[in-house]
Amino acid sequence: MSPSRVVAGRRAVTEAIRAGAAGEVLLARGARETPGLQALREAASAAGVPVRRVERRELDGMAPAHQGVAARLLRGAPTLTERELALYAFEDDDFVVVLDGITDPQNMGACARSAEAAGAAMLVTRIHRAAGATPAAVRASAGALVHLPHARVANLARALDRLQAAGFFTVGLDGGAEGTVYDEDCPAGRLALVVGSEGKGLSRLVRERCDVLVRLPVAGRVGSLNASASLAAALWSYVVPSRRAASQRGATPSP
């Protein structure tokens, strides 16, 4: 089975069960019966997902750091091409997270986890020189990659053009930007938040496609955060508050 059709680790497997994506759960013989494993077994039973005991070496061959449990997937979150991205039926206030060359699966998974938790409609990543939804990435995402639609594109700059044509305002996180997330108002409506790679940041063409660049204010001696930490900080200091405020303004007052 393709690695992309397997998730490993107790939290990721539990999320796959809850998402209706798990076809079978595999437990290592002799795995310690912890409360977390018991909850996983109960979730599988409630969802009608079969649980099978296997030798640990079988899990070793399927995924690293499996914690004694893995699941074979019936399906994952939708994976879209660049063309399908252009035709996707976004809501008027959707936001997407765009990753420009994140190569570390752990970092990519952590970005997906933050994006899904913040309510992102989609994750957009490059095909080349970038991490995919590997078992390590899915585990690092705590199962978020099972839920979150994921567009993988060959040309990220062109994908941003497509998003802009669909009404998205593109904001790039860039350490050299003049304004911080506290200086610039997060725009209403469709938004694409773009995060650069671990070492090089935003590529030149992607940076040029962004409508505005913002940075995180850093007060300490460490000059920057890694990509997933930067994304999480920007989501909860910049995007989520503006979405919450807009929602409250649009709420109908109680009689």
C-alpha atoms as a PDB file:
ATOM      1  CA  MET A   1       0.000   0.000   0.000  1.00  0.00           C
ATOM      2  CA  SER A   2       1.209   3.482  -0.824  1.00  0.00           C
ATOM      3  CA  PRO A   3       2.599   5.366   2.212  1.00  0.00           C
ATOM      4  CA  SER A   4       0.093   8.130   1.498  1.00  0.00           C
ATOM      5  CA  ARG A   5      -2.690   5.622   2.209  1.00  0.00           C
ATOM      6  CA  VAL A   6      -1.419   4.884   5.709  1.00  0.00           C
ATOM      7  CA  VAL A   7      -1.490   6.958   8.867  1.00  0.00           C
ATOM      8  CA  ALA A   8       0.373   6.060  12.039  1.00  0.00           C
ATOM      9  CA  GLY A   9       0.373   7.240  15.618  1.00  0.00           C
ATOM     10  CA  ARG A  10      -2.534   7.175  18.032  1.00  0.00           C
ATOM     11  CA  ARG A  11      -3.826  10.697  17.557  1.00  0.00           C
ATOM     12  CA  ALA A  12      -3.572  10.608  13.760  1.00  0.00           C
ATOM     13  CA  VAL A  13      -5.316   7.225  13.601  1.00  0.00           C
ATOM     14  CA  THR A  14      -8.066   8.440  15.942  1.00  0.00           C
ATOM     15  CA  GLU A  15      -8.649  11.465  13.686  1.00  0.00           C
ATOM     16  CA  ALA A  16      -8.768   9.204  10.617  1.00  0.00           C
ATOM     17  CA  ILE A  17     -11.436   7.095  12.321  1.00  0.00           C
ATOM     18  CA  ARG A  18     -13.470  10.177  13.259  1.00  0.00           C
ATOM     19  CA  ALA A  19     -13.181  11.477   9.691  1.00  0.00           C
ATOM     20  CA  GLY A  20     -14.575   8.224   8.309  1.00  0.00           C
ATOM     21  CA  ALA A  21     -11.346   7.676   6.390  1.00  0.00           C
ATOM     22  CA  ALA A  22      -9.970   4.588   8.184  1.00  0.00           C
ATOM     23  CA  GLY A  23     -10.673   1.224   6.611  1.00  0.00           C
ATOM     24  CA  GLU A  24      -8.724  -0.905   9.076  1.00  0.00           C
ATOM     25  CA  VAL A  25      -6.762  -0.301  12.262  1.00  0.00           C
ATOM     26  CA  LEU A  26      -3.601  -2.315  12.914  1.00  0.00           C
ATOM     27  CA  LEU A  27      -2.375  -2.737  16.503  1.00  0.00           C
ATOM     28  CA  ALA A  28       1.029  -4.115  17.432  1.00  0.00           C
ATOM     29  CA  ARG A  29       0.883  -7.293  19.491  1.00  0.00           C
ATOM     30  CA  GLY A  30       1.785  -6.505  23.067  1.00  0.00           C
ATOM     31  CA  ALA A  31       1.070  -2.777  22.754  1.00  0.00           C
ATOM     32  CA  ARG A  32       0.511  -1.249  26.186  1.00  0.00           C
ATOM     33  CA  GLU A  33      -3.173  -0.612  26.906  1.00  0.00           C
ATOM     34  CA  THR A  34      -3.139   3.088  27.736  1.00  0.00           C
ATOM     35  CA  PRO A  35      -6.222   5.347  28.070  1.00  0.00           C
ATOM     36  CA  GLY A  36      -5.361   6.783  24.659  1.00  0.00           C
ATOM     37  CA  LEU A  37      -5.292   3.354  23.046  1.00  0.00           C
ATOM     38  CA  GLN A  38      -8.536   2.398  24.775  1.00  0.00           C
ATOM     39  CA  ALA A  39     -10.208   5.556  23.432  1.00  0.00           C
ATOM     40  CA  LEU A  40      -8.919   4.711  19.958  1.00  0.00           C
ATOM     41  CA  ARG A  41     -10.344   1.182  20.163  1.00  0.00           C
ATOM     42  CA  GLU A  42     -13.683   2.550  21.344  1.00  0.00           C
ATOM     43  CA  ALA A  43     -13.752   5.041  18.458  1.00  0.00           C
ATOM     44  CA  ALA A  44     -13.013   2.253  15.988  1.00  0.00           C
ATOM     45  CA  SER A  45     -15.761   0.069  17.478  1.00  0.00           C
ATOM     46  CA  ALA A  46     -18.309   2.894  17.353  1.00  0.00           C
ATOM     47  CA  ALA A  47     -17.414   3.604  13.714  1.00  0.00           C
ATOM     48  CA  GLY A  48     -17.460  -0.053  12.712  1.00  0.00           C
ATOM     49  CA  VAL A  49     -13.777  -0.028  11.750  1.00  0.00           C
ATOM     50  CA  PRO A  50     -12.118  -3.457  12.170  1.00  0.00           C
ATOM     51  CA  VAL A  51      -9.094  -3.699  14.466  1.00  0.00           C
ATOM     52  CA  ARG A  52      -6.451  -6.331  13.743  1.00  0.00           C
ATOM     53  CA  ARG A  53      -3.399  -7.359  15.776  1.00  0.00           C
ATOM     54  CA  VAL A  54      -0.142  -7.607  13.828  1.00  0.00           C
ATOM     55  CA  GLU A  55       3.527  -8.087  14.582  1.00  0.00           C
ATOM     56  CA  ARG A  56       5.356  -4.844  15.342  1.00  0.00           C
ATOM     57  CA  ARG A  57       7.741  -5.410  12.429  1.00  0.00           C
ATOM     58  CA  GLU A  58       4.779  -5.095  10.030  1.00  0.00           C
ATOM     59  CA  LEU A  59       4.083  -1.623  11.403  1.00  0.00           C
ATOM     60  CA  ASP A  60       7.801  -0.819  11.262  1.00  0.00           C
ATOM     61  CA  GLY A  61       7.663  -1.422   7.520  1.00  0.00           C
ATOM     62  CA  MET A  62       4.612   0.832   7.077  1.00  0.00           C
ATOM     63  CA  ALA A  63       5.519   3.989   8.947  1.00  0.00           C
ATOM     64  CA  PRO A  64       8.135   5.365  11.362  1.00  0.00           C
ATOM     65  CA  ALA A  65       7.248   6.289  14.940  1.00  0.00           C
ATOM     66  CA  HIS A  66       3.932   4.458  14.774  1.00  0.00           C
ATOM     67  CA  GLN A  67       3.388   4.156  18.576  1.00  0.00           C
ATOM     68  CA  GLY A  68       2.131   0.617  18.023  1.00  0.00           C
ATOM     69  CA  VAL A  69      -0.825   1.609  15.848  1.00  0.00           C
ATOM     70  CA  ALA A  70      -1.519   2.433  12.208  1.00  0.00           C
ATOM     71  CA  ALA A  71      -4.532   2.621   9.932  1.00  0.00           C
ATOM     72  CA  ARG A  72      -5.084   1.826   6.289  1.00  0.00           C
ATOM     73  CA  LEU A  73      -7.089   4.626   4.717  1.00  0.00           C
ATOM     74  CA  LEU A  74     -10.143   4.302   2.541  1.00  0.00           C
ATOM     75  CA  ARG A  75      -9.558   7.881   1.484  1.00  0.00           C
ATOM     76  CA  GLY A  76      -7.739  10.991   2.570  1.00  0.00           C
ATOM     77  CA  ALA A  77      -8.684  14.630   2.355  1.00  0.00           C
ATOM     78  CA  PRO A  78      -9.250  15.728  -1.251  1.00  0.00           C
ATOM     79  CA  THR A  79      -5.994  16.299  -3.153  1.00  0.00           C
ATOM     80  CA  LEU A  80      -6.420  18.831  -5.923  1.00  0.00           C
ATOM     81  CA  THR A  81      -4.417  19.759  -8.994  1.00  0.00           C
ATOM     82  CA  GLU A  82      -3.673  23.357  -9.987  1.00  0.00           C
ATOM     83  CA  ARG A  83      -6.565  23.295 -12.465  1.00  0.00           C
ATOM     84  CA  GLU A  84      -8.954  21.947  -9.833  1.00  0.00           C
ATOM     85  CA  LEU A  85      -7.760  24.659  -7.452  1.00  0.00           C
ATOM     86  CA  ALA A  86      -8.898  27.301  -9.957  1.00  0.00           C
ATOM     87  CA  LEU A  87     -12.371  25.703 -10.146  1.00  0.00           C
ATOM     88  CA  TYR A  88     -12.833  25.034  -6.434  1.00  0.00           C
ATOM     89  CA  ALA A  89     -16.048  26.410  -4.894  1.00  0.00           C
ATOM     90  CA  PHE A  90     -14.665  28.615  -2.127  1.00  0.00           C
ATOM     91  CA  GLU A  91     -16.895  30.530   0.276  1.00  0.00           C
ATOM     92  CA  ASP A  92     -16.734  34.330   0.250  1.00  0.00           C
ATOM     93  CA  ASP A  93     -14.775  34.509   3.520  1.00  0.00           C
ATOM     94  CA  ASP A  94     -12.548  31.443   3.109  1.00  0.00           C
ATOM     95  CA  PHE A  95      -8.847  31.619   3.764  1.00  0.00           C
ATOM     96  CA  VAL A  96      -6.162  29.239   2.553  1.00  0.00           C
ATOM     97  CA  VAL A  97      -2.611  28.604   3.711  1.00  0.00           C
ATOM     98  CA  VAL A  98       0.090  28.438   1.044  1.00  0.00           C
ATOM     99  CA  LEU A  99       3.463  26.833   1.815  1.00  0.00           C
ATOM    100  CA  ASP A 100       6.380  27.859  -0.393  1.00  0.00           C
ATOM    101  CA  GLY A 101       8.894  25.024  -0.318  1.00  0.00           C
ATOM    102  CA  ILE A 102       8.514  23.532   3.170  1.00  0.00           C
ATOM    103  CA  THR A 103      10.692  20.418   2.874  1.00  0.00           C
ATOM    104  CA  ASP A 104      10.592  18.992   6.411  1.00  0.00           C
ATOM    105  CA  PRO A 105       7.595  16.621   6.836  1.00  0.00           C
ATOM    106  CA  GLN A 106       7.385  17.463  10.551  1.00  0.00           C
ATOM    107  CA  ASN A 107       7.227  21.178   9.785  1.00  0.00           C
ATOM    108  CA  MET A 108       4.734  20.662   6.978  1.00  0.00           C
ATOM    109  CA  GLY A 109       2.512  18.539   9.233  1.00  0.00           C
ATOM    110  CA  ALA A 110       2.678  21.122  12.005  1.00  0.00           C
ATOM    111  CA  CYS A 111       1.656  23.827   9.495  1.00  0.00           C
ATOM    112  CA  ALA A 112      -1.298  21.723   8.387  1.00  0.00           C
ATOM    113  CA  ARG A 113      -2.324  21.200  12.001  1.00  0.00           C
ATOM    114  CA  SER A 114      -2.320  24.943  12.694  1.00  0.00           C
ATOM    115  CA  ALA A 115      -4.123  25.708   9.425  1.00  0.00           C
ATOM    116  CA  GLU A 116      -6.888  23.189  10.067  1.00  0.00           C
ATOM    117  CA  ALA A 117      -7.306  24.250  13.695  1.00  0.00           C
ATOM    118  CA  ALA A 118      -7.638  27.904  12.630  1.00  0.00           C
ATOM    119  CA  GLY A 119     -10.345  27.033  10.116  1.00  0.00           C
ATOM    120  CA  ALA A 120      -8.442  27.176   6.810  1.00  0.00           C
ATOM    121  CA  ALA A 121     -10.392  25.964   3.787  1.00  0.00           C
ATOM    122  CA  MET A 122      -7.346  24.479   2.072  1.00  0.00           C
ATOM    123  CA  LEU A 123      -3.601  23.905   2.163  1.00  0.00           C
ATOM    124  CA  VAL A 124      -1.643  24.701  -1.014  1.00  0.00           C
ATOM    125  CA  THR A 125       1.893  23.358  -1.498  1.00  0.00           C
ATOM    126  CA  ARG A 126       4.446  22.802  -4.242  1.00  0.00           C
ATOM    127  CA  ILE A 127       4.961  19.398  -5.827  1.00  0.00           C
ATOM    128  CA  HIS A 128       8.716  19.756  -6.308  1.00  0.00           C
ATOM    129  CA  ARG A 129      11.237  20.379  -3.526  1.00  0.00           C
ATOM    130  CA  ALA A 130       8.542  20.284  -0.870  1.00  0.00           C
ATOM    131  CA  ALA A 131       7.197  17.757   1.623  1.00  0.00           C
ATOM    132  CA  GLY A 132       4.081  15.813   0.706  1.00  0.00           C
ATOM    133  CA  ALA A 133       1.435  14.215   2.889  1.00  0.00           C
ATOM    134  CA  THR A 134       3.718  11.383   4.008  1.00  0.00           C
ATOM    135  CA  PRO A 135       2.957   9.282   7.095  1.00  0.00           C
ATOM    136  CA  ALA A 136       5.441  11.422   9.050  1.00  0.00           C
ATOM    137  CA  ALA A 137       3.666  14.605   7.939  1.00  0.00           C
ATOM    138  CA  VAL A 138       0.219  13.175   8.724  1.00  0.00           C
ATOM    139  CA  ARG A 139       1.380  12.126  12.174  1.00  0.00           C
ATOM    140  CA  ALA A 140       2.913  15.563  12.827  1.00  0.00           C
ATOM    141  CA  SER A 141      -0.377  17.116  11.727  1.00  0.00           C
ATOM    142  CA  ALA A 142      -2.229  15.095  14.404  1.00  0.00           C
ATOM    143  CA  GLY A 143      -4.518  13.887  11.631  1.00  0.00           C
ATOM    144  CA  ALA A 144      -5.252  17.346  10.187  1.00  0.00           C
ATOM    145  CA  LEU A 145      -4.050  16.227   6.757  1.00  0.00           C
ATOM    146  CA  VAL A 146      -6.839  13.645   6.758  1.00  0.00           C
ATOM    147  CA  HIS A 147      -9.400  16.461   7.037  1.00  0.00           C
ATOM    148  CA  LEU A 148      -7.876  19.408   5.179  1.00  0.00           C
ATOM    149  CA  PRO A 149      -8.222  19.666   1.375  1.00  0.00           C
ATOM    150  CA  HIS A 150      -4.738  19.868  -0.120  1.00  0.00           C
ATOM    151  CA  ALA A 151      -3.786  21.342  -3.492  1.00  0.00           C
ATOM    152  CA  ARG A 152      -0.360  20.361  -4.832  1.00  0.00           C
ATOM    153  CA  VAL A 153       0.828  22.529  -7.688  1.00  0.00           C
ATOM    154  CA  ALA A 154       3.838  22.583  -9.990  1.00  0.00           C
ATOM    155  CA  ASN A 155       4.043  26.371 -10.165  1.00  0.00           C
ATOM    156  CA  LEU A 156       3.197  28.178  -6.939  1.00  0.00           C
ATOM    157  CA  ALA A 157       3.421  31.680  -8.419  1.00  0.00           C
ATOM    158  CA  ARG A 158       0.899  30.710 -11.089  1.00  0.00           C
ATOM    159  CA  ALA A 159      -1.335  29.145  -8.435  1.00  0.00           C
ATOM    160  CA  LEU A 160      -1.333  32.468  -6.589  1.00  0.00           C
ATOM    161  CA  ASP A 161      -2.386  34.146  -9.852  1.00  0.00           C
ATOM    162  CA  ARG A 162      -5.296  31.700 -10.015  1.00  0.00           C
ATOM    163  CA  LEU A 163      -6.290  32.410  -6.432  1.00  0.00           C
ATOM    164  CA  GLN A 164      -6.130  36.157  -7.043  1.00  0.00           C
ATOM    165  CA  ALA A 165      -8.335  35.715 -10.121  1.00  0.00           C
ATOM    166  CA  ALA A 166     -10.799  33.955  -7.808  1.00  0.00           C
ATOM    167  CA  GLY A 167     -10.874  36.984  -5.517  1.00  0.00           C
ATOM    168  CA  PHE A 168      -8.176  36.092  -2.993  1.00  0.00           C
ATOM    169  CA  PHE A 169      -6.009  38.770  -1.404  1.00  0.00           C
ATOM    170  CA  THR A 170      -2.524  37.328  -0.900  1.00  0.00           C
ATOM    171  CA  VAL A 171      -0.477  38.120   2.195  1.00  0.00           C
ATOM    172  CA  GLY A 172       3.110  36.898   2.453  1.00  0.00           C
ATOM    173  CA  LEU A 173       4.948  36.380   5.735  1.00  0.00           C
ATOM    174  CA  ASP A 174       8.371  37.912   5.147  1.00  0.00           C
ATOM    175  CA  GLY A 175      10.995  38.790   7.750  1.00  0.00           C
ATOM    176  CA  GLY A 176      12.088  41.809   5.721  1.00  0.00           C
ATOM    177  CA  ALA A 177       8.637  43.379   5.395  1.00  0.00           C
ATOM    178  CA  GLU A 178       8.221  46.927   6.677  1.00  0.00           C
ATOM    179  CA  GLY A 179       4.889  46.374   8.413  1.00  0.00           C
ATOM    180  CA  THR A 180       4.121  43.812  11.100  1.00  0.00           C
ATOM    181  CA  VAL A 181       0.937  41.822  11.602  1.00  0.00           C
ATOM    182  CA  TYR A 182      -0.014  44.500  14.137  1.00  0.00           C
ATOM    183  CA  ASP A 183       0.529  47.377  11.699  1.00  0.00           C
ATOM    184  CA  GLU A 184      -1.493  45.961   8.808  1.00  0.00           C
ATOM    185  CA  ASP A 185      -5.185  45.134   9.020  1.00  0.00           C
ATOM    186  CA  CYS A 186      -6.047  41.657   7.852  1.00  0.00           C
ATOM    187  CA  PRO A 187      -8.256  42.100   4.762  1.00  0.00           C
ATOM    188  CA  ALA A 188     -11.826  40.855   4.765  1.00  0.00           C
ATOM    189  CA  GLY A 189     -13.050  38.319   2.252  1.00  0.00           C
ATOM    190  CA  ARG A 190     -10.994  35.596   0.638  1.00  0.00           C
ATOM    191  CA  LEU A 191      -7.420  35.475   1.901  1.00  0.00           C
ATOM    192  CA  ALA A 192      -4.303  33.465   1.039  1.00  0.00           C
ATOM    193  CA  LEU A 193      -1.602  33.490   3.727  1.00  0.00           C
ATOM    194  CA  VAL A 194       1.769  32.521   2.237  1.00  0.00           C
ATOM    195  CA  VAL A 195       4.641  31.106   4.324  1.00  0.00           C
ATOM    196  CA  GLY A 196       8.155  30.590   3.002  1.00  0.00           C
ATOM    197  CA  SER A 197      10.609  27.734   3.405  1.00  0.00           C
ATOM    198  CA  GLU A 198      12.595  26.964   6.529  1.00  0.00           C
ATOM    199  CA  GLY A 199      15.835  28.519   5.273  1.00  0.00           C
ATOM    200  CA  LYS A 200      15.198  30.802   2.296  1.00  0.00           C
ATOM    201  CA  GLY A 201      11.795  32.211   3.119  1.00  0.00           C
ATOM    202  CA  LEU A 202       9.570  33.256   0.219  1.00  0.00           C
ATOM    203  CA  SER A 203      10.965  32.691  -3.262  1.00  0.00           C
ATOM    204  CA  ARG A 204      11.317  35.783  -5.428  1.00  0.00           C
ATOM    205  CA  LEU A 205       8.430  35.050  -7.800  1.00  0.00           C
ATOM    206  CA  VAL A 206       6.089  34.151  -4.967  1.00  0.00           C
ATOM    207  CA  ARG A 207       7.062  37.275  -3.029  1.00  0.00           C
ATOM    208  CA  GLU A 208       6.342  39.397  -6.100  1.00  0.00           C
ATOM    209  CA  ARG A 209       2.868  37.852  -6.431  1.00  0.00           C
ATOM    210  CA  CYS A 210       1.839  38.794  -2.884  1.00  0.00           C
ATOM    211  CA  ASP A 211      -0.452  41.813  -2.543  1.00  0.00           C
ATOM    212  CA  VAL A 212       1.193  42.749   0.750  1.00  0.00           C
ATOM    213  CA  LEU A 213       4.057  41.494   2.922  1.00  0.00           C
ATOM    214  CA  VAL A 214       3.978  41.431   6.706  1.00  0.00           C
ATOM    215  CA  ARG A 215       6.346  40.187   9.368  1.00  0.00           C
ATOM    216  CA  LEU A 216       6.090  38.990  12.920  1.00  0.00           C
ATOM    217  CA  PRO A 217       7.600  41.376  15.474  1.00  0.00           C
ATOM    218  CA  VAL A 218      10.482  39.621  17.235  1.00  0.00           C
ATOM    219  CA  ALA A 219      11.618  41.114  20.532  1.00  0.00           C
ATOM    220  CA  GLY A 220      14.113  38.478  21.622  1.00  0.00           C
ATOM    221  CA  ARG A 221      17.630  37.682  20.469  1.00  0.00           C
ATOM    222  CA  VAL A 222      16.508  34.873  18.185  1.00  0.00           C
ATOM    223  CA  GLY A 223      15.871  36.578  14.863  1.00  0.00           C
ATOM    224  CA  SER A 224      13.147  34.315  13.516  1.00  0.00           C
ATOM    225  CA  LEU A 225      10.798  31.401  14.133  1.00  0.00           C
ATOM    226  CA  ASN A 226      10.527  28.262  12.067  1.00  0.00           C
ATOM    227  CA  ALA A 227       7.796  28.059   9.439  1.00  0.00           C
ATOM    228  CA  SER A 228       5.183  26.246  11.502  1.00  0.00           C
ATOM    229  CA  ALA A 229       5.658  28.501  14.543  1.00  0.00           C
ATOM    230  CA  SER A 230       5.511  31.598  12.317  1.00  0.00           C
ATOM    231  CA  LEU A 231       2.322  30.371  10.683  1.00  0.00           C
ATOM    232  CA  ALA A 232       0.648  29.618  14.010  1.00  0.00           C
ATOM    233  CA  ALA A 233       1.589  33.036  15.377  1.00  0.00           C
ATOM    234  CA  ALA A 234       0.300  34.819  12.271  1.00  0.00           C
ATOM    235  CA  LEU A 235      -2.945  32.856  12.215  1.00  0.00           C
ATOM    236  CA  TRP A 236      -3.864  33.643  15.811  1.00  0.00           C
ATOM    237  CA  SER A 237      -2.593  37.222  15.893  1.00  0.00           C
ATOM    238  CA  TYR A 238      -3.666  38.334  12.424  1.00  0.00           C
ATOM    239  CA  VAL A 239      -6.179  36.098  10.623  1.00  0.00           C
ATOM    240  CA  VAL A 240      -8.363  34.541  13.330  1.00  0.00           C
ATOM    241  CA  PRO A 241      -9.090  37.796  15.255  1.00  0.00           C
ATOM    242  CA  SER A 242     -10.181  39.563  12.065  1.00  0.00           C
ATOM    243  CA  ARG A 243     -12.443  36.646  11.087  1.00  0.00           C
ATOM    244  CA  ARG A 244     -13.969  36.563  14.565  1.00  0.00           C
ATOM    245  CA  ALA A 245     -14.569  40.318  14.536  1.00  0.00           C
ATOM    246  CA  ALA A 246     -16.180  40.148  11.089  1.00  0.00           C
ATOM    247  CA  SER A 247     -18.418  37.309  12.246  1.00  0.00           C
ATOM    248  CA  GLN A 248     -19.522  39.267  15.295  1.00  0.00           C
ATOM    249  CA  ARG A 249     -20.272  42.348  13.181  1.00  0.00           C
ATOM    250  CA  GLY A 250     -22.386  40.248  10.867  1.00  0.00           C
ATOM    251  CA  ALA A 251     -24.323  38.527  13.627  1.00  0.00           C
ATOM    252  CA  THR A 252     -27.978  39.458  13.953  1.00  0.00           C
ATOM    253  CA  PRO A 253     -28.645  41.137  17.329  1.00  0.00           C
ATOM    254  CA  SER A 254     -30.899  39.232  19.662  1.00  0.00           C
ATOM    255  CA  PRO A 255     -34.414  40.741  19.959  1.00  0.00           C
END
